[in-house]
């Protein structure tokens, strides 16, 4: 049975159905969006993703590749391969218009109502991690701006700055979906202009010299980081933002818009990050390292733009983590879930700011997240294809089976395969140690997707 009338699923704790309010605070959370309230186009979704990736963190991801020891051409190859995964983000976006609800409400279908909860929890942890990264960057940027004026904030002042930013970053996601997408589309042009200036300043200093290529271990590790930091890392957010599109939207247009809207600016910014790192070896630190080689007339607006970028980027993560908390089973409204998540982000962010371990936190966080979302993304796409985008209302609302063992087994096997091939500074899987390569992303994708496909087809044949 495909979805027809979404009146049985509610965002509100008491089960009350409330209309969406596009002019004010969004009322809908993980409830199904009626077709009459669907709006937007694939082009708008693509521009939204362009706004998401036009941020300084993407430049840092490119700079981190240079830290792996890769030469120029290896960095370009790793970036190109990594950003091909935006196609997977586009494919995950198809489930949004088909089901009319959020990613981890849809995820109840391949995993079951109970089986979905640990996967949704992994996603919440990942979104929280990204929120913390952005909050740390914002706090450091404000501190650096004050330093330009000769002010060195004390520890209590730094805490107050972080808390104030935590409140500000929660405003946009509390307002909701329409406000986030509109702001991100609006900021595409000024953000792009900032990075064009950065590219111009970098080109004047850049000298590409012949450097011996790094070994396969470093190169594949760089690919793994590029994959995690690009499209594949955004797959859990995909349906959250495409669910307001009409169910008859062009599938090809949606996948193309998301793929190009995300991959094109991300490839360019990551390559800019590579160039910046060759000029400024400390560029992996976007606050005290990257601006060091640039004139003051650029550094001040750069830091201001960085703060604005991180606020809008965190709006995406906070929105998705809020509806993910609802999908886990927390019986609170969407805006309340966002507020709760903002408080947790503030506490963890303060811990990272005061510890001073930002760079290590970034690298290990990105690589460890591959373990769960690589197999999950494959399962999510395969499930959509097997059911041809037709979702049962009861399954979406959690009234189906508690566990769908095909999905649970495939996820467990995919995560195990990814762990076997994972290589980080704090953990190295046995197969990665034996071969010297990191194949965690392709291993998780292939094993998770293949096992789910085979198990689902076998169970359907048995039922028939």
Protein backbone atom coordinates (compact mmCIF):
# COMPACT_ATOMS: atom_id res chain seq x y z
CA UNK A 1 0.00 0.00 0.00
CA UNK A 2 1.43 3.37 -0.96
CA UNK A 3 0.95 6.46 1.13
CA UNK A 4 -2.32 8.25 0.49
CA UNK A 5 -3.56 10.23 3.50
CA UNK A 6 -0.95 11.41 6.01
CA UNK A 7 -3.41 12.25 8.76
CA UNK A 8 -2.43 9.33 10.97
CA UNK A 9 1.09 10.43 11.86
CA UNK A 10 1.78 13.43 14.06
CA UNK A 11 4.65 15.66 15.06
CA UNK A 12 3.06 16.58 18.37
CA UNK A 13 3.55 14.58 21.59
CA UNK A 14 -0.18 14.25 22.17
CA UNK A 15 -0.86 13.01 18.63
CA UNK A 16 -2.60 16.22 17.49
CA UNK A 17 -2.38 16.93 13.79
CA UNK A 18 -1.39 20.52 13.06
CA UNK A 19 -1.11 22.27 9.72
CA UNK A 20 2.23 23.34 8.32
CA UNK A 21 2.89 27.06 8.60
CA UNK A 22 5.18 28.22 5.83
CA UNK A 23 4.95 31.82 7.01
CA UNK A 24 6.19 31.20 10.56
CA UNK A 25 7.60 28.35 12.66
CA UNK A 26 7.27 25.04 10.85
CA UNK A 27 4.81 22.78 12.63
CA UNK A 28 5.67 19.51 10.96
CA UNK A 29 8.32 17.11 12.16
CA UNK A 30 8.32 13.47 11.10
CA UNK A 31 4.62 13.46 10.19
CA UNK A 32 3.77 12.87 6.54
CA UNK A 33 3.45 15.98 4.36
CA UNK A 34 0.13 16.17 2.47
CA UNK A 35 0.50 16.55 -1.29
CA UNK A 36 -1.31 19.91 -1.08
CA UNK A 37 1.54 21.28 1.05
CA UNK A 38 4.30 20.08 -1.28
CA UNK A 39 6.23 22.81 -3.08
CA UNK A 40 9.63 23.61 -4.50
CA UNK A 41 11.68 22.24 -7.38
CA UNK A 42 14.80 20.08 -7.88
CA UNK A 43 16.71 23.24 -8.83
CA UNK A 44 15.94 24.80 -5.46
CA UNK A 45 17.15 21.67 -3.66
CA UNK A 46 20.34 21.71 -5.73
CA UNK A 47 20.98 25.36 -4.85
CA UNK A 48 20.33 24.60 -1.21
CA UNK A 49 23.08 21.97 -1.28
CA UNK A 50 25.38 24.45 -3.00
CA UNK A 51 24.76 26.80 -0.09
CA UNK A 52 25.52 24.00 2.34
CA UNK A 53 28.94 23.13 0.88
CA UNK A 54 30.09 26.73 0.30
CA UNK A 55 31.79 26.92 3.68
CA UNK A 56 35.31 27.06 5.01
CA UNK A 57 35.16 23.53 6.41
CA UNK A 58 35.23 22.20 2.85
CA UNK A 59 38.42 24.19 2.25
CA UNK A 60 39.83 22.58 5.39
CA UNK A 61 38.95 19.10 4.09
CA UNK A 62 41.05 19.80 1.00
CA UNK A 63 43.89 21.07 3.17
CA UNK A 64 43.76 17.88 5.24
CA UNK A 65 44.52 15.85 2.10
CA UNK A 66 47.87 17.63 1.80
CA UNK A 67 48.50 16.62 5.41
CA UNK A 68 48.11 12.99 4.29
CA UNK A 69 51.23 13.50 2.15
CA UNK A 70 49.43 13.45 -1.21
CA UNK A 71 50.86 15.40 -4.12
CA UNK A 72 48.75 17.76 -6.23
CA UNK A 73 47.42 15.20 -8.70
CA UNK A 74 46.66 12.64 -6.00
CA UNK A 75 44.66 15.30 -4.14
CA UNK A 76 42.70 16.13 -7.30
CA UNK A 77 42.02 12.42 -7.93
CA UNK A 78 40.89 11.83 -4.32
CA UNK A 79 38.57 14.85 -4.49
CA UNK A 80 37.05 13.74 -7.81
CA UNK A 81 36.46 10.18 -6.58
CA UNK A 82 35.10 11.32 -3.22
CA UNK A 83 32.62 13.74 -4.74
CA UNK A 84 31.14 11.11 -7.06
CA UNK A 85 29.26 10.04 -3.93
CA UNK A 86 26.98 13.07 -4.36
CA UNK A 87 25.13 10.81 -6.80
CA UNK A 88 24.28 8.60 -3.79
CA UNK A 89 22.96 11.68 -1.97
CA UNK A 90 20.80 12.37 -5.01
CA UNK A 91 19.49 8.80 -4.98
CA UNK A 92 18.72 9.03 -1.23
CA UNK A 93 16.79 12.25 -1.97
CA UNK A 94 14.29 10.29 -4.08
CA UNK A 95 12.73 8.73 -1.00
CA UNK A 96 11.67 12.15 0.36
CA UNK A 97 9.06 13.01 -2.33
CA UNK A 98 8.00 9.35 -2.56
CA UNK A 99 7.26 8.99 1.17
CA UNK A 100 6.67 12.61 2.17
CA UNK A 101 8.54 12.31 5.45
CA UNK A 102 12.03 12.48 6.92
CA UNK A 103 14.94 10.13 6.33
CA UNK A 104 14.72 8.22 9.59
CA UNK A 105 10.96 7.92 9.51
CA UNK A 106 11.42 6.28 6.09
CA UNK A 107 14.20 4.18 7.61
CA UNK A 108 11.58 2.28 9.63
CA UNK A 109 10.70 0.49 6.39
CA UNK A 110 14.00 -1.38 5.74
CA UNK A 111 14.87 -1.79 9.46
CA UNK A 112 11.57 -1.93 11.38
CA UNK A 113 10.32 0.40 14.09
CA UNK A 114 12.75 -0.90 16.71
CA UNK A 115 15.56 -1.74 14.32
CA UNK A 116 15.54 1.87 13.11
CA UNK A 117 16.34 3.31 16.53
CA UNK A 118 20.05 2.40 16.84
CA UNK A 119 20.66 3.52 13.23
CA UNK A 120 18.86 6.80 13.94
CA UNK A 121 20.96 7.16 17.09
CA UNK A 122 24.15 6.80 15.02
CA UNK A 123 22.87 9.55 12.76
CA UNK A 124 22.08 11.77 15.73
CA UNK A 125 25.62 11.31 17.02
CA UNK A 126 27.02 12.20 13.59
CA UNK A 127 24.86 15.32 13.27
CA UNK A 128 25.89 16.32 16.80
CA UNK A 129 29.54 15.87 15.84
CA UNK A 130 29.18 18.18 12.84
CA UNK A 131 27.34 20.70 15.02
CA UNK A 132 30.18 20.63 17.52
CA UNK A 133 32.78 21.16 14.77
CA UNK A 134 30.90 24.19 13.49
CA UNK A 135 30.35 25.65 16.96
CA UNK A 136 34.06 25.28 17.73
CA UNK A 137 34.96 27.06 14.49
CA UNK A 138 32.53 29.88 15.24
CA UNK A 139 33.93 30.35 18.74
CA UNK A 140 37.52 30.39 17.47
CA UNK A 141 36.55 32.86 14.74
CA UNK A 142 34.97 35.28 17.22
CA UNK A 143 38.06 34.99 19.43
CA UNK A 144 40.30 35.72 16.42
CA UNK A 145 38.19 38.76 15.48
CA UNK A 146 38.55 40.12 18.99
CA UNK A 147 42.30 39.48 18.81
CA UNK A 148 42.49 41.68 15.69
CA UNK A 149 41.17 44.48 17.90
CA UNK A 150 43.71 43.74 20.60
CA UNK A 151 41.26 41.92 22.90
CA UNK A 152 42.13 38.53 24.38
CA UNK A 153 39.01 36.99 25.91
CA UNK A 154 39.34 35.17 29.21
CA UNK A 155 38.11 31.61 29.70
CA UNK A 156 34.75 32.77 31.14
CA UNK A 157 34.38 35.14 28.18
CA UNK A 158 35.12 32.28 25.75
CA UNK A 159 32.46 30.18 27.47
CA UNK A 160 29.98 33.06 27.14
CA UNK A 161 30.81 33.43 23.43
CA UNK A 162 30.24 29.72 22.80
CA UNK A 163 26.94 29.74 24.67
CA UNK A 164 25.74 32.85 22.83
CA UNK A 165 26.58 31.29 19.47
CA UNK A 166 24.80 28.08 20.50
CA UNK A 167 21.62 30.09 21.04
CA UNK A 168 21.95 32.02 17.76
CA UNK A 169 22.57 28.89 15.68
CA UNK A 170 19.34 27.32 16.98
CA UNK A 171 17.05 30.11 15.71
CA UNK A 172 16.96 29.16 12.02
CA UNK A 173 16.35 25.41 12.51
CA UNK A 174 13.61 26.17 15.06
CA UNK A 175 11.85 28.29 12.42
CA UNK A 176 12.10 25.35 10.06
CA UNK A 177 12.58 23.90 6.60
CA UNK A 178 11.43 26.82 4.42
CA UNK A 179 13.59 29.37 6.26
CA UNK A 180 16.72 27.19 6.08
CA UNK A 181 16.44 26.48 2.36
CA UNK A 182 15.65 30.12 1.55
CA UNK A 183 18.62 31.48 3.51
CA UNK A 184 21.03 28.92 2.03
CA UNK A 185 19.96 29.75 -1.51
CA UNK A 186 20.31 33.49 -0.81
CA UNK A 187 23.84 33.12 0.56
CA UNK A 188 25.21 31.16 -2.42
CA UNK A 189 26.37 34.31 -4.26
CA UNK A 190 28.14 36.16 -1.37
CA UNK A 191 29.75 32.92 -0.17
CA UNK A 192 30.98 32.15 -3.69
CA UNK A 193 32.38 35.69 -3.97
CA UNK A 194 34.37 35.25 -0.75
CA UNK A 195 36.02 32.07 -2.03
CA UNK A 196 36.78 33.66 -5.40
CA UNK A 197 38.74 36.34 -3.54
CA UNK A 198 40.52 33.63 -1.52
CA UNK A 199 41.35 31.80 -4.77
CA UNK A 200 42.71 35.01 -6.32
CA UNK A 201 44.93 35.70 -3.30
CA UNK A 202 46.13 32.10 -3.24
CA UNK A 203 46.91 31.96 -6.97
CA UNK A 204 49.34 34.87 -6.56
CA UNK A 205 51.34 32.85 -4.01
CA UNK A 206 50.94 29.31 -5.38
CA UNK A 207 53.87 27.45 -6.88
CA UNK A 208 53.18 23.81 -7.70
CA UNK A 209 56.42 21.87 -7.56
CA UNK A 210 57.02 18.25 -8.49
CA UNK A 211 56.51 16.11 -5.39
CA UNK A 212 56.84 12.35 -5.23
CA UNK A 213 53.43 10.71 -4.96
CA UNK A 214 52.42 9.24 -1.64
CA UNK A 215 51.96 5.49 -1.31
CA UNK A 216 48.68 3.64 -1.76
CA UNK A 217 48.05 3.68 1.98
CA UNK A 218 48.02 7.48 2.14
CA UNK A 219 46.19 7.85 -1.18
CA UNK A 220 43.34 5.50 -0.24
CA UNK A 221 43.16 7.14 3.18
CA UNK A 222 42.75 10.47 1.41
CA UNK A 223 39.98 9.04 -0.75
CA UNK A 224 38.23 7.73 2.37
CA UNK A 225 38.37 11.17 3.96
CA UNK A 226 37.11 12.85 0.76
CA UNK A 227 34.21 10.38 0.55
CA UNK A 228 33.26 10.92 4.18
CA UNK A 229 33.47 14.71 3.90
CA UNK A 230 31.52 14.99 0.65
CA UNK A 231 28.26 13.57 -0.68
CA UNK A 232 28.21 10.31 1.23
CA UNK A 233 28.40 12.18 4.50
CA UNK A 234 25.22 14.11 3.63
CA UNK A 235 23.10 11.10 2.64
CA UNK A 236 21.30 10.92 6.03
CA UNK A 237 20.05 14.50 5.52
CA UNK A 238 18.89 14.02 1.93
CA UNK A 239 15.22 13.09 2.34
CA UNK A 240 14.76 15.60 5.19
CA UNK A 241 15.01 18.40 2.61
CA UNK A 242 13.46 16.76 -0.47
CA UNK A 243 10.29 15.59 1.33
CA UNK A 244 8.46 18.84 0.54
CA UNK A 245 8.73 18.16 -3.21
CA UNK A 246 5.68 16.74 -4.95
CA UNK A 247 5.66 12.95 -5.41
CA UNK A 248 5.52 13.32 -9.21
CA UNK A 249 8.76 15.34 -9.33
CA UNK A 250 11.21 14.25 -12.04
CA UNK A 251 13.52 11.66 -10.51
CA UNK A 252 16.27 12.34 -13.03
CA UNK A 253 16.07 16.09 -12.42
CA UNK A 254 16.25 15.66 -8.65
CA UNK A 255 19.26 13.32 -8.71
CA UNK A 256 21.03 15.59 -11.22
CA UNK A 257 20.31 18.78 -9.26
CA UNK A 258 21.56 17.32 -5.96
CA UNK A 259 24.62 15.71 -7.57
CA UNK A 260 25.74 18.82 -9.45
CA UNK A 261 24.62 21.29 -6.77
CA UNK A 262 26.72 19.51 -4.18
CA UNK A 263 29.65 18.07 -6.13
CA UNK A 264 30.63 21.04 -8.32
CA UNK A 265 31.18 23.65 -5.58
CA UNK A 266 32.63 21.04 -3.22
CA UNK A 267 35.21 19.88 -5.76
CA UNK A 268 36.26 23.48 -6.44
CA UNK A 269 36.49 24.38 -2.74
CA UNK A 270 38.42 21.24 -1.80
CA UNK A 271 40.91 21.93 -4.60
CA UNK A 272 41.16 25.49 -3.30
CA UNK A 273 41.93 23.95 0.11
CA UNK A 274 44.73 21.90 -1.45
CA UNK A 275 46.21 25.05 -3.03
CA UNK A 276 45.88 27.01 0.21
CA UNK A 277 47.63 24.23 2.15
CA UNK A 278 50.54 24.35 -0.29
CA UNK A 279 50.86 28.07 0.40
CA UNK A 280 50.06 27.89 4.13
CA UNK A 281 51.10 24.50 5.62
CA UNK A 282 49.01 25.25 8.74
CA UNK A 283 45.83 25.74 6.68
CA UNK A 284 44.14 22.74 8.29
CA UNK A 285 43.54 25.17 11.13
CA UNK A 286 41.12 27.62 9.47
CA UNK A 287 41.44 30.23 12.22
CA UNK A 288 45.04 30.63 13.36
CA UNK A 289 46.62 28.87 10.39
CA UNK A 290 44.80 29.69 7.16
CA UNK A 291 44.44 33.50 7.55
CA UNK A 292 48.10 33.87 8.55
CA UNK A 293 49.35 34.39 5.00
CA UNK A 294 46.62 36.81 3.89
CA UNK A 295 46.22 40.60 4.28
CA UNK A 296 44.19 42.03 7.13
CA UNK A 297 41.61 43.53 4.74
CA UNK A 298 40.69 39.96 3.79
CA UNK A 299 41.09 38.25 7.15
CA UNK A 300 38.46 40.31 9.02
CA UNK A 301 35.60 39.78 6.51
CA UNK A 302 36.76 36.17 6.09
CA UNK A 303 36.22 35.54 9.81
CA UNK A 304 32.82 37.27 9.74
CA UNK A 305 31.73 35.17 6.77
CA UNK A 306 33.02 32.05 8.49
CA UNK A 307 30.75 32.71 11.47
CA UNK A 308 27.72 33.25 9.21
CA UNK A 309 28.58 30.13 7.20
CA UNK A 310 28.83 27.94 10.28
CA UNK A 311 25.53 29.27 11.65
CA UNK A 312 23.69 28.37 8.42
CA UNK A 313 25.51 25.05 8.09
CA UNK A 314 24.61 24.11 11.64
CA UNK A 315 20.99 24.95 10.87
CA UNK A 316 20.98 21.98 8.46
CA UNK A 317 22.49 19.63 11.04
CA UNK A 318 20.33 20.85 13.92
CA UNK A 319 17.17 20.48 11.84
CA UNK A 320 18.05 16.91 10.84
CA UNK A 321 19.20 15.91 14.31
CA UNK A 322 15.94 17.28 15.74
CA UNK A 323 13.73 15.15 13.49
CA UNK A 324 16.10 12.22 14.07
CA UNK A 325 15.44 12.46 17.81
CA UNK A 326 11.74 12.21 17.02
CA UNK A 327 12.37 9.15 14.82
CA UNK A 328 14.25 7.51 17.69
CA UNK A 329 11.05 7.83 19.71
CA UNK A 330 11.47 10.99 21.77
CA UNK A 331 7.93 12.30 22.27
CA UNK A 332 8.54 16.01 21.84
CA UNK A 333 7.79 18.50 19.06
CA UNK A 334 10.31 19.28 16.32
CA UNK A 335 11.36 22.70 17.63
CA UNK A 336 11.74 21.30 21.15
CA UNK A 337 14.00 18.56 19.78
CA UNK A 338 16.11 21.23 18.05
CA UNK A 339 16.40 23.19 21.30
CA UNK A 340 17.45 20.09 23.24
CA UNK A 341 20.03 19.23 20.62
CA UNK A 342 21.37 22.78 20.73
CA UNK A 343 21.96 22.50 24.47
CA UNK A 344 23.87 19.23 24.08
CA UNK A 345 25.90 20.72 21.23
CA UNK A 346 26.84 23.68 23.43
CA UNK A 347 28.08 21.43 26.25
CA UNK A 348 30.18 19.17 23.99
CA UNK A 349 31.44 22.14 21.96
CA UNK A 350 32.71 23.83 25.10
CA UNK A 351 34.62 20.69 26.01
CA UNK A 352 36.34 20.64 22.59
CA UNK A 353 37.08 24.39 22.65
CA UNK A 354 38.69 24.19 26.08
CA UNK A 355 40.66 21.02 25.21
CA UNK A 356 42.24 22.52 22.07
CA UNK A 357 42.12 19.22 20.13
CA UNK A 358 40.20 20.45 17.06
CA UNK A 359 42.30 18.99 14.21
CA UNK A 360 42.51 15.49 15.69
CA UNK A 361 38.80 15.58 16.42
CA UNK A 362 38.00 16.46 12.77
CA UNK A 363 40.08 13.75 11.11
CA UNK A 364 39.08 10.84 13.32
CA UNK A 365 35.44 11.90 13.46
CA UNK A 366 35.10 11.97 9.66
CA UNK A 367 36.69 8.56 9.19
CA UNK A 368 34.80 6.78 11.98
CA UNK A 369 31.44 8.00 10.67
CA UNK A 370 32.01 5.97 7.47
CA UNK A 371 31.52 2.80 9.49
CA UNK A 372 27.78 3.28 9.91
CA UNK A 373 26.61 5.54 7.08
CA UNK A 374 28.36 3.75 4.18
CA UNK A 375 26.37 0.49 4.57
CA UNK A 376 23.25 2.40 5.62
CA UNK A 377 23.25 4.57 2.47
CA UNK A 378 23.51 1.48 0.25
CA UNK A 379 20.65 -0.25 2.11
CA UNK A 380 18.46 2.87 1.91
CA UNK A 381 18.95 3.21 -1.87
CA UNK A 382 18.52 -0.52 -2.56
CA UNK A 383 15.30 -0.58 -0.52
CA UNK A 384 13.90 2.38 -2.49
CA UNK A 385 14.75 0.61 -5.77
CA UNK A 386 13.27 -2.74 -4.72
CA UNK A 387 9.93 -1.20 -3.73
CA UNK A 388 10.02 1.27 -6.66
CA UNK A 389 9.51 4.17 -4.29
CA UNK A 390 6.20 2.93 -2.87
CA UNK A 391 5.95 3.11 0.90
CA UNK A 392 3.32 1.72 3.25
CA UNK A 393 1.82 4.23 5.70
CA UNK A 394 1.86 1.72 8.57
CA UNK A 395 5.56 0.99 8.04
CA UNK A 396 6.43 4.70 7.87
CA UNK A 397 4.55 5.40 11.09
CA UNK A 398 6.29 2.59 12.99
CA UNK A 399 3.25 0.31 13.17
CA UNK A 400 4.97 -2.42 11.18
CA UNK A 401 7.33 -5.12 12.50
CA UNK A 402 9.74 -4.21 15.27
CA UNK A 403 12.72 -5.54 13.34
CA UNK A 404 13.26 -6.21 9.65
CA UNK A 405 16.08 -8.70 9.93
CA UNK A 406 17.26 -8.30 6.35
CA UNK A 407 18.07 -4.66 7.07
CA UNK A 408 19.50 -5.26 10.53
CA UNK A 409 21.76 -8.11 9.33
CA UNK A 410 22.92 -6.14 6.28
CA UNK A 411 23.76 -3.10 8.42
CA UNK A 412 25.70 -5.21 10.93
CA UNK A 413 27.63 -6.98 8.17
CA UNK A 414 28.38 -3.72 6.37
CA UNK A 415 29.64 -2.07 9.56
CA UNK A 416 31.83 -5.09 10.32
CA UNK A 417 33.30 -4.95 6.80
CA UNK A 418 33.98 -1.21 7.13
CA UNK A 419 35.69 -1.71 10.50
CA UNK A 420 37.92 -4.42 9.03
CA UNK A 421 39.22 -1.95 6.43
CA UNK A 422 39.24 1.25 8.53
CA UNK A 423 42.52 3.04 9.18
CA UNK A 424 42.62 5.99 11.62
CA UNK A 425 45.15 7.37 14.08
CA UNK A 426 43.39 5.63 16.97
CA UNK A 427 42.21 2.40 15.35
CA UNK A 428 43.31 0.23 12.42
CA UNK A 429 41.24 -2.71 11.24
CA UNK A 430 42.98 -6.07 10.69
CA UNK A 431 42.56 -6.04 6.89
CA UNK A 432 43.72 -2.43 6.70
CA UNK A 433 46.75 -3.33 8.82
CA UNK A 434 47.55 -6.37 6.69
CA UNK A 435 47.26 -4.60 3.34
CA UNK A 436 48.12 -1.03 4.29
CA UNK A 437 45.01 0.41 2.60
CA UNK A 438 41.74 1.92 3.83
CA UNK A 439 38.77 0.48 1.91
CA UNK A 440 36.21 1.14 4.64
CA UNK A 441 33.80 3.17 2.47
CA UNK A 442 33.55 0.80 -0.54
CA UNK A 443 33.53 -2.26 1.76
CA UNK A 444 30.62 -0.87 3.78
CA UNK A 445 28.68 0.20 0.68
CA UNK A 446 29.11 -3.07 -1.23
CA UNK A 447 28.61 -5.49 1.67
CA UNK A 448 25.63 -3.63 3.17
CA UNK A 449 23.85 -3.12 -0.14
CA UNK A 450 24.54 -6.61 -1.51
CA UNK A 451 23.45 -8.47 1.62
CA UNK A 452 20.26 -6.43 1.90
CA UNK A 453 19.41 -7.05 -1.75
CA UNK A 454 20.02 -10.81 -1.51
CA UNK A 455 18.24 -11.20 1.84
CA UNK A 456 15.21 -9.17 0.73
CA UNK A 457 14.87 -11.05 -2.55
CA UNK A 458 15.17 -14.39 -0.71
CA UNK A 459 12.51 -13.43 1.83
CA UNK A 460 10.13 -12.30 -0.92
CA UNK A 461 10.60 -15.55 -2.81
CA UNK A 462 9.93 -17.50 0.39
CA UNK A 463 6.76 -15.47 1.04
CA UNK A 464 5.55 -16.04 -2.51
